[in-house]
Amino acid sequence: MVKIEAIIKPFKLEEVKDGLNEIGVQGMTITEIKGFGRQKGHKEIYRGAEYVVDFLPKIKIEIAAEADKAETIVQAIQDSARTGKIGDGKIFVLPLSECIRIRTGERGRDAL
């Protein structure tokens, strides 16, 4: 099993969700976050004063999946989240040692 974490631009969430639904992903967790990567934020002018916005709004998607489906999920996220511009985000694939469904006590793949 793996845990896939994707950091994407907020306006791409619906496209990514639709792309994941098309390949049969049934569950995901979405979190609104702030952060920056290589783009290191940007400057804005508000009422004549210049402000540096260090942390940009992003969306974090978390998906637990079977390892053999990871590449398909990663490709779906990549295809639907890409704009071709800096700040498109990152995808992390992490090993998941255990998954437990609280309601039934099921473990491993059965709990996914």
PDB file of N, CA and C in Angstrom:
ATOM      1  N   MET A   1       0.837  -1.174   0.000  1.00  0.00           N
ATOM      2  CA  MET A   1       0.000   0.000   0.000  1.00  0.00           C
ATOM      3  C   MET A   1       0.885   1.242   0.000  1.00  0.00           C
ATOM      4  N   VAL A   2       0.321   2.331  -0.555  1.00  0.00           N
ATOM      5  CA  VAL A   2       1.026   3.602  -0.600  1.00  0.00           C
ATOM      6  C   VAL A   2       0.082   4.729  -0.211  1.00  0.00           C
ATOM      7  N   LYS A   3       0.692   5.822   0.215  1.00  0.00           N
ATOM      8  CA  LYS A   3      -0.054   7.055   0.448  1.00  0.00           C
ATOM      9  C   LYS A   3       0.466   8.065  -0.560  1.00  0.00           C
ATOM     10  N   ILE A   4      -0.443   8.625  -1.334  1.00  0.00           N
ATOM     11  CA  ILE A   4      -0.088   9.606  -2.346  1.00  0.00           C
ATOM     12  C   ILE A   4      -0.529  10.973  -1.837  1.00  0.00           C
ATOM     13  N   GLU A   5       0.418  11.902  -1.774  1.00  0.00           N
ATOM     14  CA  GLU A   5       0.121  13.270  -1.366  1.00  0.00           C
ATOM     15  C   GLU A   5       0.439  14.178  -2.541  1.00  0.00           C
ATOM     16  N   ALA A   6      -0.525  14.988  -2.927  1.00  0.00           N
ATOM     17  CA  ALA A   6      -0.329  15.922  -4.031  1.00  0.00           C
ATOM     18  C   ALA A   6      -0.626  17.329  -3.544  1.00  0.00           C
ATOM     19  N   ILE A   7       0.251  18.250  -3.879  1.00  0.00           N
ATOM     20  CA  ILE A   7       0.055  19.671  -3.573  1.00  0.00           C
ATOM     21  C   ILE A   7      -0.221  20.342  -4.920  1.00  0.00           C
ATOM     22  N   ILE A   8      -1.401  20.960  -5.045  1.00  0.00           N
ATOM     23  CA  ILE A   8      -1.801  21.527  -6.334  1.00  0.00           C
ATOM     24  C   ILE A   8      -2.328  22.956  -6.158  1.00  0.00           C
ATOM     25  N   LYS A   9      -2.518  23.636  -7.273  1.00  0.00           N
ATOM     26  CA  LYS A   9      -3.141  24.953  -7.257  1.00  0.00           C
ATOM     27  C   LYS A   9      -4.630  24.788  -6.963  1.00  0.00           C
ATOM     28  N   PRO A  10      -5.203  25.684  -6.157  1.00  0.00           N
ATOM     29  CA  PRO A  10      -6.606  25.530  -5.757  1.00  0.00           C
ATOM     30  C   PRO A  10      -7.596  25.442  -6.913  1.00  0.00           C
ATOM     31  N   PHE A  11      -7.392  26.203  -7.980  1.00  0.00           N
ATOM     32  CA  PHE A  11      -8.356  26.200  -9.074  1.00  0.00           C
ATOM     33  C   PHE A  11      -8.317  24.922  -9.905  1.00  0.00           C
ATOM     34  N   LYS A  12      -7.353  24.053  -9.655  1.00  0.00           N
ATOM     35  CA  LYS A  12      -7.256  22.781 -10.366  1.00  0.00           C
ATOM     36  C   LYS A  12      -7.943  21.627  -9.625  1.00  0.00           C
ATOM     37  N   LEU A  13      -8.487  21.888  -8.449  1.00  0.00           N
ATOM     38  CA  LEU A  13      -9.058  20.819  -7.630  1.00  0.00           C
ATOM     39  C   LEU A  13     -10.162  20.053  -8.355  1.00  0.00           C
ATOM     40  N   GLU A  14     -11.112  20.743  -8.969  1.00  0.00           N
ATOM     41  CA  GLU A  14     -12.217  20.053  -9.641  1.00  0.00           C
ATOM     42  C   GLU A  14     -11.730  19.171 -10.783  1.00  0.00           C
ATOM     43  N   GLU A  15     -10.766  19.672 -11.565  1.00  0.00           N
ATOM     44  CA  GLU A  15     -10.216  18.871 -12.658  1.00  0.00           C
ATOM     45  C   GLU A  15      -9.528  17.621 -12.134  1.00  0.00           C
ATOM     46  N   VAL A  16      -8.761  17.770 -11.066  1.00  0.00           N
ATOM     47  CA  VAL A  16      -8.058  16.625 -10.483  1.00  0.00           C
ATOM     48  C   VAL A  16      -9.073  15.627  -9.924  1.00  0.00           C
ATOM     49  N   LYS A  17     -10.073  16.124  -9.211  1.00  0.00           N
ATOM     50  CA  LYS A  17     -11.104  15.247  -8.646  1.00  0.00           C
ATOM     51  C   LYS A  17     -11.808  14.469  -9.754  1.00  0.00           C
ATOM     52  N   ASP A  18     -12.167  15.150 -10.842  1.00  0.00           N
ATOM     53  CA  ASP A  18     -12.825  14.481 -11.965  1.00  0.00           C
ATOM     54  C   ASP A  18     -11.910  13.434 -12.596  1.00  0.00           C
ATOM     55  N   GLY A  19     -10.623  13.770 -12.755  1.00  0.00           N
ATOM     56  CA  GLY A  19      -9.665  12.817 -13.318  1.00  0.00           C
ATOM     57  C   GLY A  19      -9.507  11.582 -12.453  1.00  0.00           C
ATOM     58  N   LEU A  20      -9.512  11.773 -11.126  1.00  0.00           N
ATOM     59  CA  LEU A  20      -9.395  10.629 -10.212  1.00  0.00           C
ATOM     60  C   LEU A  20     -10.669   9.799 -10.202  1.00  0.00           C
ATOM     61  N   ASN A  21     -11.820  10.437 -10.306  1.00  0.00           N
ATOM     62  CA  ASN A  21     -13.089   9.696 -10.383  1.00  0.00           C
ATOM     63  C   ASN A  21     -13.139   8.823 -11.635  1.00  0.00           C
ATOM     64  N   GLU A  22     -12.614   9.326 -12.747  1.00  0.00           N
ATOM     65  CA  GLU A  22     -12.609   8.573 -14.002  1.00  0.00           C
ATOM     66  C   GLU A  22     -11.826   7.274 -13.903  1.00  0.00           C
ATOM     67  N   ILE A  23     -10.784   7.252 -13.084  1.00  0.00           N
ATOM     68  CA  ILE A  23      -9.978   6.020 -12.958  1.00  0.00           C
ATOM     69  C   ILE A  23     -10.414   5.173 -11.762  1.00  0.00           C
ATOM     70  N   GLY A  24     -11.486   5.593 -11.086  1.00  0.00           N
ATOM     71  CA  GLY A  24     -12.058   4.767 -10.028  1.00  0.00           C
ATOM     72  C   GLY A  24     -11.549   5.009  -8.623  1.00  0.00           C
ATOM     73  N   VAL A  25     -10.879   6.132  -8.377  1.00  0.00           N
ATOM     74  CA  VAL A  25     -10.439   6.445  -7.013  1.00  0.00           C
ATOM     75  C   VAL A  25     -11.681   6.795  -6.203  1.00  0.00           C
ATOM     76  N   GLN A  26     -11.895   6.081  -5.092  1.00  0.00           N
ATOM     77  CA  GLN A  26     -13.123   6.236  -4.333  1.00  0.00           C
ATOM     78  C   GLN A  26     -13.015   7.187  -3.154  1.00  0.00           C
ATOM     79  N   GLY A  27     -11.846   7.354  -2.599  1.00  0.00           N
ATOM     80  CA  GLY A  27     -11.722   8.201  -1.420  1.00  0.00           C
ATOM     81  C   GLY A  27     -10.478   9.044  -1.454  1.00  0.00           C
ATOM     82  N   MET A  28     -10.592  10.239  -0.911  1.00  0.00           N
ATOM     83  CA  MET A  28      -9.452  11.138  -0.813  1.00  0.00           C
ATOM     84  C   MET A  28      -9.737  12.153   0.280  1.00  0.00           C
ATOM     85  N   THR A  29      -8.698  12.744   0.797  1.00  0.00           N
ATOM     86  CA  THR A  29      -8.818  13.801   1.790  1.00  0.00           C
ATOM     87  C   THR A  29      -8.233  15.060   1.183  1.00  0.00           C
ATOM     88  N   ILE A  30      -8.969  16.160   1.330  1.00  0.00           N
ATOM     89  CA  ILE A  30      -8.551  17.451   0.787  1.00  0.00           C
ATOM     90  C   ILE A  30      -8.324  18.417   1.939  1.00  0.00           C
ATOM     91  N   THR A  31      -7.200  19.130   1.911  1.00  0.00           N
ATOM     92  CA  THR A  31      -6.885  20.123   2.933  1.00  0.00           C
ATOM     93  C   THR A  31      -6.445  21.410   2.248  1.00  0.00           C
ATOM     94  N   GLU A  32      -6.967  22.538   2.721  1.00  0.00           N
ATOM     95  CA  GLU A  32      -6.497  23.837   2.237  1.00  0.00           C
ATOM     96  C   GLU A  32      -5.242  24.193   3.031  1.00  0.00           C
ATOM     97  N   ILE A  33      -4.163  24.451   2.320  1.00  0.00           N
ATOM     98  CA  ILE A  33      -2.885  24.737   2.965  1.00  0.00           C
ATOM     99  C   ILE A  33      -2.271  25.988   2.363  1.00  0.00           C
ATOM    100  N   LYS A  34      -1.154  26.429   2.924  1.00  0.00           N
ATOM    101  CA  LYS A  34      -0.375  27.533   2.363  1.00  0.00           C
ATOM    102  C   LYS A  34       1.079  27.113   2.344  1.00  0.00           C
ATOM    103  N   GLY A  35       1.782  27.555   1.324  1.00  0.00           N
ATOM    104  CA  GLY A  35       3.188  27.213   1.242  1.00  0.00           C
ATOM    105  C   GLY A  35       3.836  27.847   0.033  1.00  0.00           C
ATOM    106  N   PHE A  36       5.097  27.520  -0.182  1.00  0.00           N
ATOM    107  CA  PHE A  36       5.794  27.992  -1.369  1.00  0.00           C
ATOM    108  C   PHE A  36       6.909  27.028  -1.704  1.00  0.00           C
ATOM    109  N   GLY A  37       7.283  27.058  -2.956  1.00  0.00           N
ATOM    110  CA  GLY A  37       8.391  26.252  -3.438  1.00  0.00           C
ATOM    111  C   GLY A  37       9.404  27.167  -4.084  1.00  0.00           C
ATOM    112  N   ARG A  38       9.772  26.840  -5.296  1.00  0.00           N
ATOM    113  CA  ARG A  38      10.779  27.633  -5.999  1.00  0.00           C
ATOM    114  C   ARG A  38      10.302  29.044  -6.324  1.00  0.00           C
ATOM    115  N   GLN A  39       8.971  29.224  -6.453  1.00  0.00           N
ATOM    116  CA  GLN A  39       8.489  30.555  -6.821  1.00  0.00           C
ATOM    117  C   GLN A  39       8.609  31.548  -5.669  1.00  0.00           C
ATOM    118  N   LYS A  40       8.767  31.083  -4.456  1.00  0.00           N
ATOM    119  CA  LYS A  40       9.014  31.905  -3.274  1.00  0.00           C
ATOM    120  C   LYS A  40       8.033  33.058  -3.100  1.00  0.00           C
ATOM    121  N   GLY A  41       6.766  32.803  -3.359  1.00  0.00           N
ATOM    122  CA  GLY A  41       5.742  33.817  -3.140  1.00  0.00           C
ATOM    123  C   GLY A  41       5.756  34.881  -4.215  1.00  0.00           C
ATOM    124  N   HIS A  42       5.090  36.012  -3.943  1.00  0.00           N
ATOM    125  CA  HIS A  42       5.039  37.118  -4.889  1.00  0.00           C
ATOM    126  C   HIS A  42       4.722  38.416  -4.145  1.00  0.00           C
ATOM    127  N   LYS A  43       4.813  39.536  -4.867  1.00  0.00           N
ATOM    128  CA  LYS A  43       4.529  40.833  -4.276  1.00  0.00           C
ATOM    129  C   LYS A  43       3.153  41.313  -4.728  1.00  0.00           C
ATOM    130  N   GLU A  44       2.420  41.965  -3.833  1.00  0.00           N
ATOM    131  CA  GLU A  44       1.131  42.564  -4.148  1.00  0.00           C
ATOM    132  C   GLU A  44       1.132  43.998  -3.660  1.00  0.00           C
ATOM    133  N   ILE A  45       0.360  44.819  -4.334  1.00  0.00           N
ATOM    134  CA  ILE A  45       0.205  46.212  -3.903  1.00  0.00           C
ATOM    135  C   ILE A  45      -1.222  46.387  -3.418  1.00  0.00           C
ATOM    136  N   TYR A  46      -1.363  46.864  -2.178  1.00  0.00           N
ATOM    137  CA  TYR A  46      -2.665  47.098  -1.572  1.00  0.00           C
ATOM    138  C   TYR A  46      -2.686  48.506  -1.006  1.00  0.00           C
ATOM    139  N   ARG A  47      -3.588  49.311  -1.527  1.00  0.00           N
ATOM    140  CA  ARG A  47      -3.712  50.716  -1.112  1.00  0.00           C
ATOM    141  C   ARG A  47      -2.375  51.458  -1.161  1.00  0.00           C
ATOM    142  N   GLY A  48      -1.654  51.224  -2.225  1.00  0.00           N
ATOM    143  CA  GLY A  48      -0.400  51.926  -2.455  1.00  0.00           C
ATOM    144  C   GLY A  48       0.818  51.354  -1.765  1.00  0.00           C
ATOM    145  N   ALA A  49       0.617  50.390  -0.879  1.00  0.00           N
ATOM    146  CA  ALA A  49       1.751  49.782  -0.176  1.00  0.00           C
ATOM    147  C   ALA A  49       2.055  48.412  -0.782  1.00  0.00           C
ATOM    148  N   GLU A  50       3.334  48.100  -0.869  1.00  0.00           N
ATOM    149  CA  GLU A  50       3.757  46.820  -1.435  1.00  0.00           C
ATOM    150  C   GLU A  50       3.921  45.786  -0.323  1.00  0.00           C
ATOM    151  N   TYR A  51       3.361  44.616  -0.525  1.00  0.00           N
ATOM    152  CA  TYR A  51       3.446  43.526   0.445  1.00  0.00           C
ATOM    153  C   TYR A  51       4.025  42.293  -0.228  1.00  0.00           C
ATOM    154  N   VAL A  52       4.828  41.565   0.516  1.00  0.00           N
ATOM    155  CA  VAL A  52       5.352  40.294   0.032  1.00  0.00           C
ATOM    156  C   VAL A  52       4.465  39.187   0.589  1.00  0.00           C
ATOM    157  N   VAL A  53       3.908  38.381  -0.317  1.00  0.00           N
ATOM    158  CA  VAL A  53       3.080  37.247   0.082  1.00  0.00           C
ATOM    159  C   VAL A  53       3.965  36.012  -0.014  1.00  0.00           C
ATOM    160  N   ASP A  54       4.480  35.575   1.140  1.00  0.00           N
ATOM    161  CA  ASP A  54       5.405  34.442   1.158  1.00  0.00           C
ATOM    162  C   ASP A  54       4.696  33.105   0.943  1.00  0.00           C
ATOM    163  N   PHE A  55       3.549  32.939   1.580  1.00  0.00           N
ATOM    164  CA  PHE A  55       2.852  31.663   1.533  1.00  0.00           C
ATOM    165  C   PHE A  55       1.638  31.774   0.620  1.00  0.00           C
ATOM    166  N   LEU A  56       1.635  30.958  -0.423  1.00  0.00           N
ATOM    167  CA  LEU A  56       0.558  30.969  -1.399  1.00  0.00           C
ATOM    168  C   LEU A  56      -0.463  29.893  -1.062  1.00  0.00           C
ATOM    169  N   PRO A  57      -1.744  30.144  -1.361  1.00  0.00           N
ATOM    170  CA  PRO A  57      -2.758  29.116  -1.091  1.00  0.00           C
ATOM    171  C   PRO A  57      -2.565  27.916  -2.016  1.00  0.00           C
ATOM    172  N   LYS A  58      -2.671  26.743  -1.451  1.00  0.00           N
ATOM    173  CA  LYS A  58      -2.538  25.473  -2.183  1.00  0.00           C
ATOM    174  C   LYS A  58      -3.580  24.502  -1.649  1.00  0.00           C
ATOM    175  N   ILE A  59      -3.747  23.396  -2.350  1.00  0.00           N
ATOM    176  CA  ILE A  59      -4.619  22.302  -1.920  1.00  0.00           C
ATOM    177  C   ILE A  59      -3.756  21.051  -1.784  1.00  0.00           C
ATOM    178  N   LYS A  60      -3.951  20.338  -0.686  1.00  0.00           N
ATOM    179  CA  LYS A  60      -3.240  19.070  -0.475  1.00  0.00           C
ATOM    180  C   LYS A  60      -4.255  17.944  -0.587  1.00  0.00           C
ATOM    181  N   ILE A  61      -3.972  17.001  -1.467  1.00  0.00           N
ATOM    182  CA  ILE A  61      -4.825  15.827  -1.666  1.00  0.00           C
ATOM    183  C   ILE A  61      -4.067  14.626  -1.118  1.00  0.00           C
ATOM    184  N   GLU A  62      -4.742  13.820  -0.295  1.00  0.00           N
ATOM    185  CA  GLU A  62      -4.136  12.602   0.250  1.00  0.00           C
ATOM    186  C   GLU A  62      -4.992  11.408  -0.162  1.00  0.00           C
ATOM    187  N   ILE A  63      -4.330  10.385  -0.681  1.00  0.00           N
ATOM    188  CA  ILE A  63      -5.024   9.179  -1.142  1.00  0.00           C
ATOM    189  C   ILE A  63      -4.245   7.962  -0.662  1.00  0.00           C
ATOM    190  N   ALA A  64      -4.943   7.023  -0.045  1.00  0.00           N
ATOM    191  CA  ALA A  64      -4.348   5.731   0.300  1.00  0.00           C
ATOM    192  C   ALA A  64      -4.784   4.746  -0.777  1.00  0.00           C
ATOM    193  N   ALA A  65      -3.832   3.997  -1.333  1.00  0.00           N
ATOM    194  CA  ALA A  65      -4.153   3.103  -2.445  1.00  0.00           C
ATOM    195  C   ALA A  65      -3.251   1.879  -2.431  1.00  0.00           C
ATOM    196  N   GLU A  66      -3.646   0.895  -3.225  1.00  0.00           N
ATOM    197  CA  GLU A  66      -2.798  -0.275  -3.416  1.00  0.00           C
ATOM    198  C   GLU A  66      -1.610   0.145  -4.276  1.00  0.00           C
ATOM    199  N   ALA A  67      -0.454  -0.421  -4.004  1.00  0.00           N
ATOM    200  CA  ALA A  67       0.786  -0.017  -4.676  1.00  0.00           C
ATOM    201  C   ALA A  67       0.701  -0.166  -6.189  1.00  0.00           C
ATOM    202  N   ASP A  68      -0.003  -1.186  -6.680  1.00  0.00           N
ATOM    203  CA  ASP A  68      -0.073  -1.389  -8.129  1.00  0.00           C
ATOM    204  C   ASP A  68      -0.926  -0.344  -8.844  1.00  0.00           C
ATOM    205  N   LYS A  69      -1.695   0.449  -8.120  1.00  0.00           N
ATOM    206  CA  LYS A  69      -2.512   1.503  -8.719  1.00  0.00           C
ATOM    207  C   LYS A  69      -1.851   2.884  -8.601  1.00  0.00           C
ATOM    208  N   ALA A  70      -0.723   2.965  -7.921  1.00  0.00           N
ATOM    209  CA  ALA A  70      -0.074   4.247  -7.637  1.00  0.00           C
ATOM    210  C   ALA A  70       0.292   5.008  -8.903  1.00  0.00           C
ATOM    211  N   GLU A  71       0.906   4.344  -9.869  1.00  0.00           N
ATOM    212  CA  GLU A  71       1.351   5.048 -11.075  1.00  0.00           C
ATOM    213  C   GLU A  71       0.173   5.611 -11.869  1.00  0.00           C
ATOM    214  N   THR A  72      -0.931   4.881 -11.935  1.00  0.00           N
ATOM    215  CA  THR A  72      -2.129   5.363 -12.630  1.00  0.00           C
ATOM    216  C   THR A  72      -2.692   6.599 -11.936  1.00  0.00           C
ATOM    217  N   ILE A  73      -2.705   6.584 -10.600  1.00  0.00           N
ATOM    218  CA  ILE A  73      -3.206   7.717  -9.828  1.00  0.00           C
ATOM    219  C   ILE A  73      -2.288   8.922 -10.004  1.00  0.00           C
ATOM    220  N   VAL A  74      -0.998   8.707  -9.913  1.00  0.00           N
ATOM    221  CA  VAL A  74      -0.034   9.786 -10.084  1.00  0.00           C
ATOM    222  C   VAL A  74      -0.185  10.416 -11.470  1.00  0.00           C
ATOM    223  N   GLN A  75      -0.325   9.591 -12.489  1.00  0.00           N
ATOM    224  CA  GLN A  75      -0.459  10.109 -13.858  1.00  0.00           C
ATOM    225  C   GLN A  75      -1.746  10.917 -14.026  1.00  0.00           C
ATOM    226  N   ALA A  76      -2.837  10.459 -13.411  1.00  0.00           N
ATOM    227  CA  ALA A  76      -4.105  11.186 -13.489  1.00  0.00           C
ATOM    228  C   ALA A  76      -3.988  12.555 -12.823  1.00  0.00           C
ATOM    229  N   ILE A  77      -3.323  12.602 -11.669  1.00  0.00           N
ATOM    230  CA  ILE A  77      -3.125  13.881 -10.985  1.00  0.00           C
ATOM    231  C   ILE A  77      -2.248  14.800 -11.828  1.00  0.00           C
ATOM    232  N   GLN A  78      -1.173  14.249 -12.329  1.00  0.00           N
ATOM    233  CA  GLN A  78      -0.234  15.041 -13.116  1.00  0.00           C
ATOM    234  C   GLN A  78      -0.902  15.621 -14.365  1.00  0.00           C
ATOM    235  N   ASP A  79      -1.679  14.801 -15.068  1.00  0.00           N
ATOM    236  CA  ASP A  79      -2.338  15.248 -16.295  1.00  0.00           C
ATOM    237  C   ASP A  79      -3.372  16.334 -16.024  1.00  0.00           C
ATOM    238  N   SER A  80      -4.112  16.220 -14.936  1.00  0.00           N
ATOM    239  CA  SER A  80      -5.187  17.172 -14.680  1.00  0.00           C
ATOM    240  C   SER A  80      -4.745  18.411 -13.902  1.00  0.00           C
ATOM    241  N   ALA A  81      -3.605  18.370 -13.217  1.00  0.00           N
ATOM    242  CA  ALA A  81      -3.155  19.513 -12.418  1.00  0.00           C
ATOM    243  C   ALA A  81      -2.161  20.408 -13.158  1.00  0.00           C
ATOM    244  N   ARG A  82      -1.617  19.921 -14.257  1.00  0.00           N
ATOM    245  CA  ARG A  82      -0.557  20.655 -14.955  1.00  0.00           C
ATOM    246  C   ARG A  82      -1.102  21.881 -15.682  1.00  0.00           C
ATOM    247  N   THR A  83      -0.443  23.031 -15.461  1.00  0.00           N
ATOM    248  CA  THR A  83      -0.717  24.245 -16.235  1.00  0.00           C
ATOM    249  C   THR A  83       0.490  24.582 -17.101  1.00  0.00           C
ATOM    250  N   GLY A  84       1.639  24.036 -16.747  1.00  0.00           N
ATOM    251  CA  GLY A  84       2.868  24.336 -17.461  1.00  0.00           C
ATOM    252  C   GLY A  84       3.603  25.535 -16.914  1.00  0.00           C
ATOM    253  N   LYS A  85       3.071  26.110 -15.845  1.00  0.00           N
ATOM    254  CA  LYS A  85       3.686  27.289 -15.236  1.00  0.00           C
ATOM    255  C   LYS A  85       4.260  26.926 -13.877  1.00  0.00           C
ATOM    256  N   ILE A  86       5.162  27.765 -13.389  1.00  0.00           N
ATOM    257  CA  ILE A  86       5.775  27.527 -12.090  1.00  0.00           C
ATOM    258  C   ILE A  86       4.690  27.487 -11.003  1.00  0.00           C
ATOM    259  N   GLY A  87       4.871  26.609 -10.030  1.00  0.00           N
ATOM    260  CA  GLY A  87       3.912  26.509  -8.930  1.00  0.00           C
ATOM    261  C   GLY A  87       2.826  25.480  -9.152  1.00  0.00           C
ATOM    262  N   ASP A  88       2.962  24.631 -10.174  1.00  0.00           N
ATOM    263  CA  ASP A  88       1.954  23.585 -10.421  1.00  0.00           C
ATOM    264  C   ASP A  88       1.840  22.608  -9.264  1.00  0.00           C
ATOM    265  N   GLY A  89       2.913  22.412  -8.501  1.00  0.00           N
ATOM    266  CA  GLY A  89       2.844  21.568  -7.320  1.00  0.00           C
ATOM    267  C   GLY A  89       3.777  20.381  -7.359  1.00  0.00           C
ATOM    268  N   LYS A  90       3.528  19.466  -6.431  1.00  0.00           N
ATOM    269  CA  LYS A  90       4.361  18.268  -6.273  1.00  0.00           C
ATOM    270  C   LYS A  90       3.469  17.086  -5.938  1.00  0.00           C
ATOM    271  N   ILE A  91       3.968  15.891  -6.236  1.00  0.00           N
ATOM    272  CA  ILE A  91       3.300  14.644  -5.850  1.00  0.00           C
ATOM    273  C   ILE A  91       4.322  13.810  -5.099  1.00  0.00           C
ATOM    274  N   PHE A  92       3.921  13.296  -3.931  1.00  0.00           N
ATOM    275  CA  PHE A  92       4.781  12.438  -3.119  1.00  0.00           C
ATOM    276  C   PHE A  92       4.116  11.074  -2.998  1.00  0.00           C
ATOM    277  N   VAL A  93       4.884  10.007  -3.162  1.00  0.00           N
ATOM    278  CA  VAL A  93       4.385   8.648  -2.982  1.00  0.00           C
ATOM    279  C   VAL A  93       5.173   8.033  -1.833  1.00  0.00           C
ATOM    280  N   LEU A  94       4.449   7.676  -0.768  1.00  0.00           N
ATOM    281  CA  LEU A  94       5.070   7.176   0.451  1.00  0.00           C
ATOM    282  C   LEU A  94       4.595   5.759   0.747  1.00  0.00           C
ATOM    283  N   PRO A  95       5.461   4.906   1.291  1.00  0.00           N
ATOM    284  CA  PRO A  95       4.993   3.582   1.699  1.00  0.00           C
ATOM    285  C   PRO A  95       4.011   3.707   2.865  1.00  0.00           C
ATOM    286  N   LEU A  96       3.001   2.889   2.840  1.00  0.00           N
ATOM    287  CA  LEU A  96       1.978   2.887   3.891  1.00  0.00           C
ATOM    288  C   LEU A  96       2.018   1.514   4.543  1.00  0.00           C
ATOM    289  N   SER A  97       2.475   1.449   5.778  1.00  0.00           N
ATOM    290  CA  SER A  97       2.682   0.150   6.418  1.00  0.00           C
ATOM    291  C   SER A  97       1.393  -0.480   6.918  1.00  0.00           C
ATOM    292  N   GLU A  98       0.391   0.324   7.254  1.00  0.00           N
ATOM    293  CA  GLU A  98      -0.842  -0.244   7.792  1.00  0.00           C
ATOM    294  C   GLU A  98      -2.005   0.708   7.563  1.00  0.00           C
ATOM    295  N   CYS A  99      -3.177   0.140   7.383  1.00  0.00           N
ATOM    296  CA  CYS A  99      -4.417   0.904   7.258  1.00  0.00           C
ATOM    297  C   CYS A  99      -5.483   0.135   8.039  1.00  0.00           C
ATOM    298  N   ILE A 100      -6.220   0.828   8.875  1.00  0.00           N
ATOM    299  CA  ILE A 100      -7.236   0.182   9.716  1.00  0.00           C
ATOM    300  C   ILE A 100      -8.539   0.953   9.604  1.00  0.00           C
ATOM    301  N   ARG A 101      -9.608   0.255   9.262  1.00  0.00           N
ATOM    302  CA  ARG A 101     -10.932   0.878   9.236  1.00  0.00           C
ATOM    303  C   ARG A 101     -11.462   0.872  10.667  1.00  0.00           C
ATOM    304  N   ILE A 102     -11.714   2.029  11.216  1.00  0.00           N
ATOM    305  CA  ILE A 102     -12.106   2.152  12.619  1.00  0.00           C
ATOM    306  C   ILE A 102     -13.412   1.426  12.905  1.00  0.00           C
ATOM    307  N   ARG A 103     -14.399   1.594  12.026  1.00  0.00           N
ATOM    308  CA  ARG A 103     -15.724   1.030  12.273  1.00  0.00           C
ATOM    309  C   ARG A 103     -15.711  -0.495  12.385  1.00  0.00           C
ATOM    310  N   THR A 104     -14.980  -1.181  11.487  1.00  0.00           N
ATOM    311  CA  THR A 104     -15.043  -2.647  11.450  1.00  0.00           C
ATOM    312  C   THR A 104     -13.792  -3.338  11.969  1.00  0.00           C
ATOM    313  N   GLY A 105     -12.696  -2.597  12.053  1.00  0.00           N
ATOM    314  CA  GLY A 105     -11.441  -3.209  12.470  1.00  0.00           C
ATOM    315  C   GLY A 105     -10.698  -3.870  11.333  1.00  0.00           C
ATOM    316  N   GLU A 106     -11.210  -3.769  10.103  1.00  0.00           N
ATOM    317  CA  GLU A 106     -10.526  -4.346   8.953  1.00  0.00           C
ATOM    318  C   GLU A 106      -9.140  -3.719   8.811  1.00  0.00           C
ATOM    319  N   ARG A 107      -8.204  -4.502   8.288  1.00  0.00           N
ATOM    320  CA  ARG A 107      -6.822  -4.038   8.155  1.00  0.00           C
ATOM    321  C   ARG A 107      -6.319  -4.260   6.740  1.00  0.00           C
ATOM    322  N   GLY A 108      -5.288  -3.492   6.400  1.00  0.00           N
ATOM    323  CA  GLY A 108      -4.633  -3.649   5.102  1.00  0.00           C
ATOM    324  C   GLY A 108      -5.522  -3.260   3.946  1.00  0.00           C
ATOM    325  N   ARG A 109      -5.407  -4.025   2.853  1.00  0.00           N
ATOM    326  CA  ARG A 109      -6.190  -3.731   1.647  1.00  0.00           C
ATOM    327  C   ARG A 109      -7.688  -3.720   1.885  1.00  0.00           C
ATOM    328  N   ASP A 110      -8.156  -4.560   2.765  1.00  0.00           N
ATOM    329  CA  ASP A 110      -9.592  -4.609   3.062  1.00  0.00           C
ATOM    330  C   ASP A 110     -10.093  -3.294   3.650  1.00  0.00           C
ATOM    331  N   ALA A 111      -9.219  -2.564   4.317  1.00  0.00           N
ATOM    332  CA  ALA A 111      -9.607  -1.313   4.952  1.00  0.00           C
ATOM    333  C   ALA A 111      -9.617  -0.135   3.968  1.00  0.00           C
ATOM    334  N   LEU A 112      -8.960  -0.307   2.825  1.00  0.00           N
ATOM    335  CA  LEU A 112      -8.936   0.766   1.831  1.00  0.00           C
ATOM    336  C   LEU A 112     -10.313   0.920   1.235  1.00  0.00           C
TER     337      LEU A 112
END
